[in-house]
Protein backbone atom coordinates (compact mmCIF):
# COMPACT_ATOMS: atom_id res chain seq x y z
CA MET A 1 2.15 31.16 2.23
CA GLN A 2 0.65 31.21 5.72
CA PRO A 3 0.42 27.89 7.62
CA GLU A 4 -3.38 28.18 7.90
CA THR A 5 -3.71 28.72 4.15
CA MET A 6 -1.49 25.72 3.52
CA ARG A 7 -3.64 23.53 5.79
CA GLN A 8 -6.79 24.63 3.97
CA GLY A 9 -5.21 23.85 0.62
CA ILE A 10 -4.15 20.41 1.83
CA ALA A 11 -7.59 19.70 3.26
CA ARG A 12 -9.21 20.48 -0.09
CA ALA A 13 -6.77 18.36 -2.07
CA GLU A 14 -8.51 15.47 -3.75
CA PRO A 15 -6.94 12.03 -3.29
CA CYS A 16 -5.37 10.49 -6.36
CA LYS A 17 -7.72 8.34 -8.38
CA ARG A 18 -5.18 5.57 -8.73
CA PRO A 19 -1.95 4.65 -7.01
CA SER A 20 1.05 6.00 -8.86
CA PRO A 21 3.46 3.70 -10.73
CA ILE A 22 5.98 4.09 -7.91
CA ASP A 23 3.33 2.88 -5.44
CA PHE A 24 2.87 -0.26 -7.52
CA GLU A 25 6.63 -0.75 -7.80
CA MET A 26 7.07 -0.41 -4.04
CA ALA A 27 4.21 -2.84 -3.39
CA TYR A 28 5.77 -5.34 -5.80
CA GLN A 29 9.21 -5.01 -4.19
CA ALA A 30 7.64 -5.41 -0.74
CA ARG A 31 5.92 -8.62 -1.91
CA VAL A 32 9.22 -9.98 -3.27
CA ALA A 33 11.01 -9.12 -0.02
CA ILE A 34 8.23 -10.77 2.02
CA ASP A 35 8.52 -13.98 0.02
CA ARG A 36 12.33 -14.04 0.39
CA ILE A 37 12.20 -13.41 4.13
CA LYS A 38 9.66 -16.23 4.55
CA PHE A 39 11.97 -18.51 2.55
CA ALA A 40 14.96 -17.56 4.73
CA ILE A 41 13.00 -18.13 7.95
CA ARG A 42 11.88 -21.60 6.79
CA HIS A 43 15.41 -22.63 5.86
CA ILE A 44 16.93 -21.29 9.07
CA GLU A 45 14.41 -23.28 11.09
CA GLN A 46 15.07 -26.47 9.10
CA CYS A 47 18.82 -26.38 8.48
CA VAL A 48 20.59 -24.39 11.18
CA PRO A 49 21.07 -25.71 14.71
CA SER A 50 19.40 -23.50 17.28
CA SER A 51 21.61 -21.02 19.08
CA PRO A 52 21.00 -17.62 20.65
CA GLN A 53 22.44 -15.90 17.56
CA VAL A 54 20.22 -17.89 15.18
CA ARG A 55 17.16 -17.17 17.32
CA GLU A 56 18.00 -13.46 17.30
CA ALA A 57 18.44 -13.50 13.51
CA GLY A 58 15.07 -15.26 13.19
CA LEU A 59 13.41 -12.64 15.38
CA GLN A 60 14.94 -9.85 13.29
CA LEU A 61 13.63 -11.48 10.13
CA LEU A 62 10.17 -11.86 11.66
CA ASP A 63 10.20 -8.18 12.64
CA ALA A 64 11.18 -7.16 9.10
CA LEU A 65 8.45 -9.45 7.74
CA ASP A 66 5.81 -7.87 9.99
CA ARG A 67 6.83 -4.38 8.95
CA LEU A 68 6.72 -5.19 5.24
CA GLN A 69 3.37 -6.91 5.55
CA ALA A 70 1.95 -3.88 7.38
CA VAL A 71 3.15 -1.55 4.60
CA GLU A 72 1.72 -3.86 1.94
CA GLN A 73 -1.62 -3.99 3.77
CA ARG A 74 -1.78 -0.19 3.94
CA PHE A 75 -1.12 -0.05 0.18
CA GLN A 76 -3.93 -2.54 -0.45
CA ASP A 77 -6.30 -0.57 1.79
CA ARG A 78 -5.42 2.74 0.10
CA SER A 79 -5.88 1.19 -3.32
CA ARG A 80 -9.33 -0.08 -2.39
CA VAL A 81 -10.37 3.27 -0.90
CA ARG A 82 -9.14 5.17 -3.96
CA ALA A 83 -10.94 2.80 -6.30
CA HIS A 84 -14.13 3.17 -4.23
CA VAL A 85 -13.87 6.98 -4.20
CA SER A 86 -13.21 7.02 -7.94
CA ASP A 87 -16.19 4.75 -8.64
CA ALA A 88 -18.47 6.89 -6.48
CA LYS A 89 -17.30 10.07 -8.21
CA GLN A 90 -17.92 8.58 -11.65
CA SER A 91 -21.42 7.53 -10.57
CA ARG A 92 -22.19 11.08 -9.40
CA GLU A 93 -20.84 12.54 -12.63
CA GLY A 94 -22.82 10.23 -14.85
CA GLY A 95 -19.91 8.02 -15.83
CA ASN A 96 -18.42 10.41 -18.40
CA GLY A 97 -16.65 12.92 -16.18
CA LEU A 98 -19.26 15.65 -16.66
CA PRO A 99 -21.57 16.51 -13.77
CA GLY A 100 -25.15 15.56 -14.46
CA ARG A 101 -24.64 14.64 -18.09
CA ASN A 102 -24.61 11.00 -19.04
CA VAL A 103 -24.03 10.50 -22.72
CA SER A 104 -25.06 7.02 -23.77
CA ARG A 105 -25.41 5.79 -27.32
């Protein structure tokens, strides 16, 4: 397949209506990791005397926390966009998946 044809095929691809199960699993695992890192940071600050090594470990934990929170935020944003696109598509299709035909009883 030619690169231009591939790009056209990708451009026409419709986004998924819902995040996949693996997306939800990754978001859940990210949330668990975020909570555990926050717990570790709190306990390091309260229990361990300050030293350059402890400060460096705290900075590494904060960096990991920031990265996980950014990934989680992107997941939340994608989920909202997909839900919005799906809702708009259903409205255009009449709510039953068929263009222009709304079957109500």
